[in-house]
Amino acid sequence: MRNTALFLLTAQSLLCADLSLLLPSAKTNLRVESARLEIQKSAAQLNEAKTAYFPTVSATALYKKKDKTPAFEPNKIQGAEIGAQISVFDGFRREALLDALHASMSSATHSLAQEEQNVLMETITAYYDYLDTQDRLHVNKEKKNELLSEVERYEILVKNDLATTDILKSLIASKLEADYDEQNLKTLLEKHRKHLELLSATPVHEPLVYQELAMPTLRTVERHDLQSDRSKIDVLRNSEDRYTYLPSITLEAKHKYMEYSGYDTMGGTNLQPLNQNEITASMTMTLFDMGRISKEREQARIDTLKAKNLLDYKTQSLGNDAEIALMSIQTSQNAYEAAKAEEEARSEAFIFIKKRFEAGLLNSTTYLSELTNLTQSRAKARSARNTLQVAKASAAYAYGIDLLTLIEDKK
């Protein structure tokens, strides 16, 4: 019984979905999961780079045979060796790589956070696009029902020779146009539904419930995409240090077991040893390369400067977007208030127009024109309400504020 109740509650929440259900689910869609995998990749690269500080141990089996050799050289060699090699110093290349990978991981983390906000913003927009179409469909249905009742009334009047057929035909034509609009709106609604399902990774069932967003508390917050780009600059800057003329020092140790045959040992004085230990220390340093390394470093430095200029430009651009988004909230609020006032005025006017039309004091053209205006004003008011909510989300998005807080503040 308890499980049944939980199932019914879950089913009801799915049938009456709003942003409180859709937005948390949107953070698990495939685009976000793909960005999350990039963090795992960066972590794997970082762990791989750390192995450069540890020795490399290898084992080798050897078999060698020559058909022609001097008398004192073995013509057959077989055996095995085991060795270890470690880089003692590599001109700080490992350190530069690790710093770059740390910055890369930071960039991937901020990219994930920004991708979540991107998907949330798109989901909010798709949600209100769906509601806008749903409202237009509802308003069109009201118009259709109004026309249907008038068609039925005039069919009776025409049948009893109390009205002419021209009014009836105009009413029927308007109803057919409403039917056509309804089919187009249903197609558009299905398009928005599928898009919303893709973004939210959640099945969407009709009807969606309208949810108002909280007014964002705007403050200066650096967006995650800017922080990601800043970390990418750190990646490039650290990559510059990998191009260096500093030497590399390597230490290697081996133990060999070899059997030699087919040669003159000279009574044991030329006897090759079965076991051999070797220790090798080597230093490698580039003395002259026609300036290749310095030119590579200069190219890396230019890449860093280019990325920094692009970041500065993007920062200014996003700042402009934030200012415009803030202005759009007030503009959308004014548009919504005006649309509500227009809807109220046209609703009151239509009541008077309808009474005069039914009394035969107005022609069908005036009646249908006023009905169309009323329908448009109703749709306009609901569209303005939805546009205001999108403007709130756009402002929060532009300022780098977590979009989930807009629904959390409304709970």
Protein backbone atom coordinates (compact mmCIF):
# COMPACT_ATOMS: atom_id res chain seq x y z
CA MET A 1 0.00 0.00 0.00
CA ARG A 2 2.79 2.37 0.92
CA ASN A 3 4.68 1.59 -2.31
CA THR A 4 1.50 2.25 -4.29
CA ALA A 5 1.11 5.65 -2.65
CA LEU A 6 4.72 6.54 -3.43
CA PHE A 7 4.20 5.46 -7.03
CA LEU A 8 1.09 7.62 -7.36
CA LEU A 9 2.90 10.61 -5.92
CA THR A 10 5.79 10.10 -8.34
CA ALA A 11 3.41 9.72 -11.25
CA GLN A 12 1.57 12.87 -10.23
CA SER A 13 4.85 14.82 -10.07
CA LEU A 14 5.73 13.65 -13.56
CA LEU A 15 2.32 14.62 -14.92
CA CYS A 16 2.58 18.06 -13.27
CA ALA A 17 6.22 18.79 -13.94
CA ASP A 18 7.73 22.19 -13.33
CA LEU A 19 11.25 23.61 -13.13
CA SER A 20 11.80 22.14 -9.66
CA LEU A 21 11.77 18.71 -11.30
CA LEU A 22 13.32 19.55 -14.67
CA LEU A 23 16.37 21.61 -13.67
CA PRO A 24 18.05 19.11 -11.28
CA SER A 25 17.56 16.40 -13.90
CA ALA A 26 19.06 18.62 -16.60
CA LYS A 27 22.39 18.55 -14.74
CA THR A 28 22.64 14.85 -15.62
CA ASN A 29 22.04 15.05 -19.37
CA LEU A 30 24.57 13.72 -21.86
CA ARG A 31 26.28 17.05 -22.50
CA VAL A 32 26.98 17.52 -18.80
CA GLU A 33 28.13 13.92 -18.43
CA SER A 34 30.52 14.44 -21.33
CA ALA A 35 32.04 17.47 -19.55
CA ARG A 36 32.30 15.41 -16.36
CA LEU A 37 34.31 12.77 -18.25
CA GLU A 38 36.79 15.48 -19.23
CA ILE A 39 37.61 15.91 -15.52
CA GLN A 40 38.28 12.19 -15.23
CA LYS A 41 40.54 12.42 -18.27
CA SER A 42 42.48 15.33 -16.72
CA ALA A 43 42.87 13.40 -13.46
CA ALA A 44 44.21 10.39 -15.39
CA GLN A 45 46.70 12.61 -17.25
CA LEU A 46 47.85 14.12 -13.96
CA ASN A 47 48.40 10.70 -12.40
CA GLU A 48 50.29 9.60 -15.50
CA ALA A 49 52.58 12.64 -15.36
CA LYS A 50 53.46 11.92 -11.72
CA THR A 51 54.93 8.56 -12.74
CA ALA A 52 57.86 10.47 -14.29
CA TYR A 53 59.31 10.82 -10.77
CA PHE A 54 59.45 7.06 -10.29
CA PRO A 55 61.97 4.61 -11.77
CA THR A 56 61.19 2.48 -14.77
CA VAL A 57 61.96 -1.22 -14.29
CA SER A 58 62.35 -3.43 -17.35
CA ALA A 59 63.39 -7.00 -18.14
CA THR A 60 64.99 -8.21 -21.39
CA ALA A 61 65.62 -11.69 -22.77
CA LEU A 62 68.39 -12.01 -25.39
CA TYR A 63 69.42 -14.61 -27.92
CA LYS A 64 72.08 -13.74 -30.52
CA LYS A 65 73.94 -15.94 -33.00
CA LYS A 66 76.50 -14.97 -35.67
CA ASP A 67 77.71 -17.20 -38.46
CA LYS A 68 81.08 -15.43 -38.75
CA THR A 69 83.02 -14.07 -35.78
CA PRO A 70 86.72 -13.63 -34.81
CA ALA A 71 88.20 -16.47 -32.75
CA PHE A 72 88.03 -14.54 -29.48
CA GLU A 73 84.43 -13.26 -29.96
CA PRO A 74 81.45 -15.46 -29.01
CA ASN A 75 79.26 -16.43 -31.94
CA LYS A 76 76.34 -17.30 -29.67
CA ILE A 77 74.97 -15.24 -26.79
CA GLN A 78 71.89 -15.95 -24.72
CA GLY A 79 70.67 -14.66 -21.39
CA ALA A 80 68.53 -12.06 -19.64
CA GLU A 81 68.88 -8.71 -17.95
CA ILE A 82 66.83 -6.65 -15.53
CA GLY A 83 67.32 -2.95 -15.09
CA ALA A 84 65.95 0.23 -13.59
CA GLN A 85 66.16 3.77 -14.93
CA ILE A 86 65.23 7.04 -13.23
CA SER A 87 65.34 10.63 -14.33
CA VAL A 88 67.12 12.57 -11.61
CA PHE A 89 66.71 15.96 -13.26
CA ASP A 90 65.09 16.96 -16.54
CA GLY A 91 65.43 20.73 -16.57
CA PHE A 92 62.16 21.22 -14.62
CA ARG A 93 60.14 19.90 -17.56
CA ARG A 94 58.21 17.51 -15.29
CA GLU A 95 57.32 20.30 -12.91
CA ALA A 96 56.10 22.48 -15.78
CA LEU A 97 53.98 19.60 -17.09
CA LEU A 98 52.44 18.94 -13.67
CA ASP A 99 51.59 22.61 -13.20
CA ALA A 100 50.01 22.67 -16.65
CA LEU A 101 47.95 19.56 -15.90
CA HIS A 102 46.79 20.97 -12.56
CA ALA A 103 45.61 24.06 -14.43
CA SER A 104 44.00 21.84 -17.06
CA MET A 105 42.05 19.99 -14.39
CA SER A 106 40.92 23.28 -12.89
CA SER A 107 39.79 24.37 -16.35
CA ALA A 108 37.85 21.13 -16.85
CA THR A 109 36.16 21.57 -13.45
CA HIS A 110 35.02 25.10 -14.30
CA SER A 111 33.98 23.95 -17.79
CA LEU A 112 31.72 21.35 -16.18
CA ALA A 113 30.15 23.96 -13.90
CA GLN A 114 29.61 26.29 -16.87
CA GLU A 115 28.15 23.52 -19.02
CA GLU A 116 25.67 22.80 -16.23
CA GLN A 117 24.63 26.46 -16.26
CA ASN A 118 24.42 26.43 -20.07
CA VAL A 119 22.09 23.45 -20.00
CA LEU A 120 20.03 24.96 -17.17
CA MET A 121 19.62 28.20 -19.12
CA GLU A 122 18.57 26.33 -22.25
CA THR A 123 16.17 24.21 -20.21
CA ILE A 124 14.56 27.30 -18.66
CA THR A 125 14.16 28.87 -22.10
CA ALA A 126 12.70 25.66 -23.53
CA TYR A 127 10.36 25.34 -20.54
CA TYR A 128 8.87 28.80 -21.04
CA ASP A 129 8.75 28.29 -24.83
CA TYR A 130 6.68 25.19 -24.11
CA LEU A 131 4.44 27.09 -21.68
CA ASP A 132 4.05 29.92 -24.19
CA THR A 133 2.85 27.51 -26.85
CA GLN A 134 0.67 25.70 -24.32
CA ASP A 135 -0.94 29.02 -23.33
CA ARG A 136 -1.50 29.98 -26.96
CA LEU A 137 -3.13 26.61 -27.53
CA HIS A 138 -5.39 27.17 -24.51
CA VAL A 139 -6.35 30.67 -25.66
CA ASN A 140 -7.03 29.38 -29.15
CA LYS A 141 -9.29 26.71 -27.64
CA GLU A 142 -11.27 29.41 -25.83
CA LYS A 143 -11.67 31.25 -29.14
CA LYS A 144 -12.70 28.03 -30.84
CA ASN A 145 -15.33 27.28 -28.18
CA GLU A 146 -16.66 30.82 -28.48
CA LEU A 147 -16.97 30.45 -32.25
CA LEU A 148 -18.52 27.00 -31.92
CA SER A 149 -21.28 28.29 -29.68
CA GLU A 150 -22.00 31.15 -32.09
CA VAL A 151 -22.03 28.77 -35.08
CA GLU A 152 -24.53 26.52 -33.30
CA ARG A 153 -26.69 29.54 -32.40
CA TYR A 154 -26.66 30.92 -35.94
CA GLU A 155 -27.42 27.51 -37.46
CA ILE A 156 -30.64 27.56 -35.47
CA LEU A 157 -31.37 31.15 -36.49
CA VAL A 158 -30.71 30.45 -40.18
CA LYS A 159 -32.83 27.30 -40.04
CA ASN A 160 -35.71 29.36 -38.73
CA ASP A 161 -35.10 32.19 -41.24
CA LEU A 162 -34.13 34.59 -38.46
CA ALA A 163 -30.63 35.31 -39.83
CA THR A 164 -28.78 35.32 -43.12
CA THR A 165 -26.27 32.66 -44.15
CA ASP A 166 -23.45 35.12 -44.78
CA ILE A 167 -22.91 35.62 -41.04
CA LEU A 168 -22.98 31.86 -40.49
CA LYS A 169 -20.42 31.29 -43.25
CA SER A 170 -18.05 33.90 -41.79
CA LEU A 171 -18.35 32.26 -38.37
CA ILE A 172 -17.64 28.81 -39.83
CA ALA A 173 -14.64 30.16 -41.75
CA SER A 174 -13.23 31.66 -38.55
CA LYS A 175 -13.76 28.36 -36.73
CA LEU A 176 -11.90 26.47 -39.50
CA GLU A 177 -9.05 28.96 -39.19
CA ALA A 178 -8.98 28.29 -35.43
CA ASP A 179 -8.83 24.55 -36.15
CA TYR A 180 -5.87 25.14 -38.46
CA ASP A 181 -4.10 27.26 -35.81
CA GLU A 182 -4.72 24.52 -33.27
CA GLN A 183 -3.00 21.89 -35.41
CA ASN A 184 0.02 24.13 -35.96
CA LEU A 185 0.26 24.90 -32.25
CA LYS A 186 0.05 21.21 -31.36
CA THR A 187 2.93 20.48 -33.75
CA LEU A 188 4.98 23.31 -32.25
CA LEU A 189 4.14 22.10 -28.74
CA GLU A 190 5.39 18.61 -29.57
CA LYS A 191 8.62 20.11 -30.93
CA HIS A 192 9.16 22.03 -27.67
CA ARG A 193 8.31 18.94 -25.64
CA LYS A 194 10.93 16.79 -27.35
CA HIS A 195 13.54 19.53 -27.02
CA LEU A 196 12.72 19.93 -23.32
CA GLU A 197 12.99 16.17 -22.79
CA LEU A 198 16.39 16.14 -24.47
CA LEU A 199 17.71 18.97 -22.30
CA SER A 200 16.21 17.84 -19.00
CA ALA A 201 16.79 14.09 -19.51
CA THR A 202 13.26 13.68 -18.13
CA PRO A 203 10.03 12.47 -19.78
CA VAL A 204 7.70 15.44 -20.14
CA HIS A 205 3.95 14.90 -19.93
CA GLU A 206 1.18 17.42 -20.38
CA PRO A 207 0.40 19.74 -18.84
CA LEU A 208 3.47 21.50 -17.53
CA VAL A 209 2.80 23.65 -14.49
CA TYR A 210 3.76 27.32 -14.63
CA GLN A 211 6.44 28.26 -12.10
CA GLU A 212 7.63 31.78 -11.46
CA LEU A 213 11.33 32.38 -10.91
CA ALA A 214 12.67 34.43 -8.04
CA MET A 215 14.17 37.80 -8.82
CA PRO A 216 17.94 37.22 -8.85
CA THR A 217 20.11 39.06 -6.35
CA LEU A 218 22.63 40.41 -8.81
CA ARG A 219 26.21 40.65 -7.64
CA THR A 220 29.63 40.49 -9.24
CA VAL A 221 30.51 36.82 -9.74
CA GLU A 222 33.12 35.63 -12.23
CA ARG A 223 31.43 33.14 -14.50
CA HIS A 224 32.81 29.64 -14.68
CA ASP A 225 33.66 29.94 -18.38
CA LEU A 226 35.93 32.91 -17.58
CA GLN A 227 37.58 30.95 -14.78
CA SER A 228 38.02 28.03 -17.17
CA ASP A 229 39.65 30.29 -19.76
CA ARG A 230 41.90 31.75 -17.07
CA SER A 231 43.05 28.23 -16.15
CA LYS A 232 43.69 27.51 -19.84
CA ILE A 233 46.01 30.51 -19.89
CA ASP A 234 47.85 28.98 -16.93
CA VAL A 235 48.18 25.78 -18.97
CA LEU A 236 49.81 27.71 -21.81
CA ARG A 237 52.03 29.72 -19.47
CA ASN A 238 53.32 26.57 -17.76
CA SER A 239 53.84 24.92 -21.13
CA GLU A 240 56.37 27.62 -21.98
CA ASP A 241 58.70 26.28 -19.27
CA ARG A 242 58.91 22.92 -20.99
CA TYR A 243 61.06 24.47 -23.69
CA THR A 244 64.43 24.87 -21.98
CA TYR A 245 68.15 24.36 -22.59
CA LEU A 246 68.73 22.99 -19.09
CA PRO A 247 70.37 19.53 -19.02
CA SER A 248 68.76 16.19 -18.21
CA ILE A 249 70.42 13.75 -15.80
CA THR A 250 69.54 10.07 -15.90
CA LEU A 251 70.67 7.22 -13.65
CA GLU A 252 70.47 3.59 -14.84
CA ALA A 253 71.31 0.28 -13.13
CA LYS A 254 71.31 -3.21 -14.73
CA HIS A 255 72.01 -6.80 -13.78
CA LYS A 256 72.86 -9.17 -16.63
CA TYR A 257 73.12 -12.94 -16.82
CA MET A 258 74.67 -14.03 -20.11
CA GLU A 259 75.98 -17.32 -21.51
CA TYR A 260 78.60 -17.10 -24.24
CA SER A 261 79.75 -19.92 -26.49
CA GLY A 262 81.64 -20.59 -29.70
CA TYR A 263 84.82 -18.64 -28.93
CA ASP A 264 88.41 -19.16 -27.71
CA THR A 265 88.61 -18.48 -23.95
CA MET A 266 92.45 -18.57 -24.07
CA GLY A 267 92.61 -20.88 -21.12
CA GLY A 268 90.19 -18.77 -19.14
CA THR A 269 91.88 -15.41 -19.59
CA ASN A 270 89.28 -14.40 -22.20
CA LEU A 271 86.34 -15.96 -20.41
CA GLN A 272 83.23 -13.74 -20.57
CA PRO A 273 81.45 -13.33 -17.19
CA LEU A 274 78.07 -14.95 -16.64
CA ASN A 275 76.82 -12.17 -14.28
CA GLN A 276 77.40 -8.49 -14.73
CA ASN A 277 76.23 -5.40 -12.80
CA GLU A 278 76.19 -2.03 -14.57
CA ILE A 279 75.56 1.48 -13.26
CA THR A 280 75.36 4.36 -15.73
CA ALA A 281 74.92 8.06 -15.04
CA SER A 282 74.39 10.29 -18.06
CA MET A 283 73.78 13.96 -18.66
CA THR A 284 72.26 15.28 -21.87
CA MET A 285 72.24 18.92 -22.82
CA THR A 286 71.39 20.69 -26.06
CA LEU A 287 74.27 22.97 -26.98
CA PHE A 288 73.20 24.14 -30.41
CA ASP A 289 69.97 23.57 -32.36
CA MET A 290 69.72 26.65 -34.58
CA GLY A 291 67.48 28.25 -31.91
CA ARG A 292 64.73 25.64 -32.28
CA ILE A 293 63.90 25.42 -28.56
CA SER A 294 63.88 29.19 -28.07
CA LYS A 295 61.61 29.59 -31.09
CA GLU A 296 59.24 26.96 -29.72
CA ARG A 297 59.18 28.80 -26.41
CA GLU A 298 58.43 32.06 -28.20
CA GLN A 299 55.51 30.42 -30.04
CA ALA A 300 54.14 29.18 -26.72
CA ARG A 301 54.47 32.68 -25.27
CA ILE A 302 52.54 34.14 -28.21
CA ASP A 303 49.79 31.54 -27.69
CA THR A 304 49.55 32.68 -24.05
CA LEU A 305 49.29 36.35 -25.04
CA LYS A 306 46.67 35.55 -27.67
CA ALA A 307 44.57 33.61 -25.16
CA LYS A 308 44.87 36.45 -22.64
CA ASN A 309 43.67 39.02 -25.18
CA LEU A 310 40.70 36.82 -26.05
CA LEU A 311 39.87 36.46 -22.36
CA ASP A 312 39.97 40.23 -21.86
CA TYR A 313 37.68 40.69 -24.84
CA LYS A 314 35.28 38.01 -23.62
CA THR A 315 35.22 39.55 -20.14
CA GLN A 316 34.21 42.91 -21.57
CA SER A 317 31.63 41.30 -23.84
CA LEU A 318 30.02 39.38 -20.98
CA GLY A 319 30.01 42.55 -18.90
CA ASN A 320 28.02 44.27 -21.65
CA ASP A 321 25.65 41.30 -21.84
CA ALA A 322 25.10 41.48 -18.09
CA GLU A 323 24.18 45.17 -18.23
CA ILE A 324 21.75 44.58 -21.09
CA ALA A 325 20.23 41.56 -19.32
CA LEU A 326 19.63 43.68 -16.24
CA MET A 327 17.85 46.33 -18.34
CA SER A 328 15.76 43.60 -19.99
CA ILE A 329 14.20 42.63 -16.65
CA GLN A 330 12.66 46.07 -16.22
CA THR A 331 11.63 46.21 -19.87
CA SER A 332 9.97 42.79 -19.63
CA GLN A 333 8.24 43.80 -16.39
CA ASN A 334 6.80 46.90 -18.07
CA ALA A 335 5.73 44.85 -21.09
CA TYR A 336 3.97 42.35 -18.82
CA GLU A 337 2.09 45.07 -16.93
CA ALA A 338 1.02 46.67 -20.23
CA ALA A 339 -0.10 43.30 -21.65
CA LYS A 340 -2.16 42.54 -18.54
CA ALA A 341 -3.85 45.92 -18.74
CA GLU A 342 -4.58 45.41 -22.44
CA GLU A 343 -6.04 41.94 -21.79
CA GLU A 344 -8.29 43.28 -19.03
CA ALA A 345 -9.50 46.15 -21.21
CA ARG A 346 -10.22 43.95 -24.21
CA SER A 347 -11.98 41.36 -22.04
CA GLU A 348 -14.36 44.00 -20.71
CA ALA A 349 -14.88 45.47 -24.19
CA PHE A 350 -15.59 42.06 -25.71
CA ILE A 351 -18.40 41.38 -23.22
CA PHE A 352 -20.14 44.51 -24.49
CA ILE A 353 -19.36 43.70 -28.14
CA LYS A 354 -20.73 40.16 -27.79
CA LYS A 355 -24.00 41.37 -26.27
CA ARG A 356 -24.50 43.85 -29.13
CA PHE A 357 -23.63 41.17 -31.72
CA GLU A 358 -26.10 38.73 -30.22
CA ALA A 359 -28.73 41.48 -30.24
CA GLY A 360 -28.07 42.07 -33.93
CA LEU A 361 -26.67 45.55 -33.42
CA LEU A 362 -23.19 44.70 -34.79
CA ASN A 363 -22.07 42.86 -37.89
CA SER A 364 -19.97 39.67 -37.80
CA THR A 365 -16.87 41.45 -39.08
CA THR A 366 -16.65 43.67 -36.01
CA TYR A 367 -17.43 40.75 -33.70
CA LEU A 368 -14.77 38.48 -35.23
CA SER A 369 -12.22 41.29 -35.26
CA GLU A 370 -12.77 41.95 -31.55
CA LEU A 371 -12.62 38.21 -30.79
CA THR A 372 -9.29 37.97 -32.62
CA ASN A 373 -7.96 41.00 -30.73
CA LEU A 374 -9.05 39.47 -27.42
CA THR A 375 -7.37 36.18 -28.28
CA GLN A 376 -4.16 37.94 -29.23
CA SER A 377 -4.14 40.06 -26.08
CA ARG A 378 -4.63 36.97 -23.89
CA ALA A 379 -1.76 35.19 -25.64
CA LYS A 380 0.36 38.34 -25.45
CA ALA A 381 -0.16 38.66 -21.68
CA ARG A 382 0.88 35.07 -21.05
CA SER A 383 3.83 35.39 -23.43
CA ALA A 384 4.97 38.56 -21.64
CA ARG A 385 4.76 36.72 -18.31
CA ASN A 386 6.97 33.94 -19.66
CA THR A 387 9.37 36.42 -21.24
CA LEU A 388 9.80 38.12 -17.86
CA GLN A 389 10.85 34.81 -16.29
CA VAL A 390 13.39 34.18 -19.07
CA ALA A 391 14.74 37.70 -18.55
CA LYS A 392 15.31 36.93 -14.86
CA ALA A 393 17.19 33.75 -15.77
CA SER A 394 19.20 35.53 -18.47
CA ALA A 395 20.33 38.19 -16.00
CA ALA A 396 21.37 35.59 -13.42
CA TYR A 397 23.17 33.62 -16.15
CA ALA A 398 25.00 36.72 -17.38
CA TYR A 399 26.17 37.56 -13.85
CA GLY A 400 27.35 34.00 -13.18
CA ILE A 401 24.70 33.24 -10.53
CA ASP A 402 23.65 29.61 -10.12
CA LEU A 403 20.29 29.28 -11.89
CA LEU A 404 19.10 26.67 -9.42
CA THR A 405 18.91 29.39 -6.76
CA LEU A 406 16.06 31.01 -8.74
CA ILE A 407 13.80 28.06 -7.96
CA GLU A 408 15.20 27.36 -4.50
CA ASP A 409 14.28 30.89 -3.40
CA LYS A 410 10.69 30.21 -4.51
CA LYS A 411 10.23 27.07 -2.42
